[in-house]
């Protein structure tokens, strides 16, 4: 049974927003639309215009096509802290992203080292 396009889009917006660790308010700020608009779209009481969909896609950092496509596979569960870090650095230059990666690797190495010493 195939869902109507409006249901697919509604679900994709909500899924992308959650995947990125964004509240509706944060998405609205990024997309420059009202909180009421996103709330009503996600709840299925409003069908967004193409202009609104483009703004939402931009706010989510995805393409309009991404919002309109059926997901091909079940998305991998990613912990909320990881999503928040990704959201923080996804629009930063590659050098900053690489620097954050190095910091995370160093922190993990240090944490693992401390754990092994406790044993």
Protein backbone atom coordinates (compact mmCIF):
# COMPACT_ATOMS: atom_id res chain seq x y z
CA UNK A 1 0.00 0.00 0.00
CA UNK A 2 1.57 3.27 -1.12
CA UNK A 3 1.10 6.43 0.92
CA UNK A 4 -0.18 9.64 -0.70
CA UNK A 5 2.63 12.07 -1.53
CA UNK A 6 1.52 14.54 1.14
CA UNK A 7 1.92 11.82 3.79
CA UNK A 8 5.35 10.87 2.46
CA UNK A 9 6.50 14.50 2.52
CA UNK A 10 5.07 15.08 5.99
CA UNK A 11 6.87 12.02 7.31
CA UNK A 12 10.13 12.90 5.55
CA UNK A 13 10.16 16.42 7.01
CA UNK A 14 9.62 15.09 10.52
CA UNK A 15 12.20 12.31 10.04
CA UNK A 16 14.87 14.65 8.65
CA UNK A 17 14.20 17.17 11.42
CA UNK A 18 14.59 14.52 14.11
CA UNK A 19 17.60 12.98 12.37
CA UNK A 20 19.29 16.38 12.47
CA UNK A 21 18.36 16.81 16.13
CA UNK A 22 16.26 19.92 15.45
CA UNK A 23 13.16 21.11 17.23
CA UNK A 24 10.31 22.51 15.16
CA UNK A 25 11.32 25.96 16.36
CA UNK A 26 14.92 25.50 15.20
CA UNK A 27 13.75 24.29 11.80
CA UNK A 28 11.42 27.27 11.48
CA UNK A 29 14.25 29.65 12.27
CA UNK A 30 16.48 28.03 9.65
CA UNK A 31 13.70 27.85 7.06
CA UNK A 32 12.37 31.33 7.84
CA UNK A 33 8.78 30.13 8.23
CA UNK A 34 6.41 30.10 11.19
CA UNK A 35 6.38 27.43 13.88
CA UNK A 36 2.67 27.00 13.22
CA UNK A 37 3.39 26.14 9.58
CA UNK A 38 5.82 23.32 10.41
CA UNK A 39 3.59 22.02 13.17
CA UNK A 40 0.57 21.88 10.89
CA UNK A 41 2.57 20.32 8.03
CA UNK A 42 4.01 17.61 10.29
CA UNK A 43 0.58 16.92 11.79
CA UNK A 44 -1.06 16.69 8.37
CA UNK A 45 -3.46 19.61 8.73
CA UNK A 46 -1.67 21.71 6.12
CA UNK A 47 -0.32 20.84 2.69
CA UNK A 48 2.81 22.94 2.01
CA UNK A 49 3.35 24.90 -1.17
CA UNK A 50 6.43 24.25 -3.31
CA UNK A 51 7.94 27.51 -2.00
CA UNK A 52 7.45 26.35 1.59
CA UNK A 53 8.92 22.92 0.77
CA UNK A 54 11.98 24.59 -0.73
CA UNK A 55 12.44 26.67 2.43
CA UNK A 56 12.07 23.59 4.63
CA UNK A 57 14.53 21.62 2.49
CA UNK A 58 17.03 24.46 2.79
CA UNK A 59 16.46 24.65 6.54
CA UNK A 60 17.06 20.91 6.83
CA UNK A 61 20.11 21.01 4.56
CA UNK A 62 18.57 18.52 2.13
CA UNK A 63 17.33 18.75 -1.44
CA UNK A 64 13.69 19.12 -2.40
CA UNK A 65 14.04 15.72 -4.07
CA UNK A 66 15.05 14.23 -0.71
CA UNK A 67 11.75 15.40 0.77
CA UNK A 68 9.73 13.93 -2.09
CA UNK A 69 11.40 10.53 -2.30
CA UNK A 70 10.31 7.39 -0.54
CA UNK A 71 13.15 6.18 1.67
CA UNK A 72 14.81 3.16 0.07
CA UNK A 73 15.86 1.56 3.33
CA UNK A 74 15.09 1.92 6.99
CA UNK A 75 17.35 4.67 8.35
CA UNK A 76 20.01 3.71 10.86
CA UNK A 77 19.30 4.80 14.40
CA UNK A 78 21.75 7.47 15.47
CA UNK A 79 21.94 8.60 19.08
CA UNK A 80 20.70 12.12 19.81
CA UNK A 81 24.11 13.43 20.97
CA UNK A 82 25.68 12.30 17.70
CA UNK A 83 22.90 13.99 15.69
CA UNK A 84 23.44 17.20 17.64
CA UNK A 85 27.18 17.19 16.92
CA UNK A 86 26.52 16.56 13.23
CA UNK A 87 24.00 19.42 13.18
CA UNK A 88 26.55 21.72 14.82
CA UNK A 89 29.33 21.04 12.29
CA UNK A 90 27.55 20.06 9.06
CA UNK A 91 27.69 23.57 7.58
CA UNK A 92 31.22 24.30 8.78
CA UNK A 93 34.22 24.21 6.43
CA UNK A 94 35.99 20.87 5.90
CA UNK A 95 38.96 21.97 8.03
CA UNK A 96 36.72 22.53 11.04
CA UNK A 97 34.92 19.22 10.48
CA UNK A 98 38.29 17.43 10.30
CA UNK A 99 39.44 19.20 13.45
CA UNK A 100 36.32 18.09 15.30
CA UNK A 101 36.89 14.54 14.06
CA UNK A 102 40.46 14.61 15.41
CA UNK A 103 39.23 15.92 18.77
CA UNK A 104 36.62 13.16 18.99
CA UNK A 105 39.19 10.50 18.09
CA UNK A 106 41.57 11.84 20.77
CA UNK A 107 38.77 11.93 23.37
CA UNK A 108 37.77 8.34 22.53
CA UNK A 109 41.36 7.17 22.75
CA UNK A 110 41.79 8.87 26.12
CA UNK A 111 38.51 7.46 27.44
CA UNK A 112 39.38 3.93 26.30
CA UNK A 113 42.84 4.24 27.85
CA UNK A 114 41.37 5.33 31.20
CA UNK A 115 38.86 2.46 31.11
CA UNK A 116 41.53 -0.14 30.45
CA UNK A 117 43.68 1.18 33.34
CA UNK A 118 40.73 0.82 35.76
CA UNK A 119 40.39 -2.87 34.95
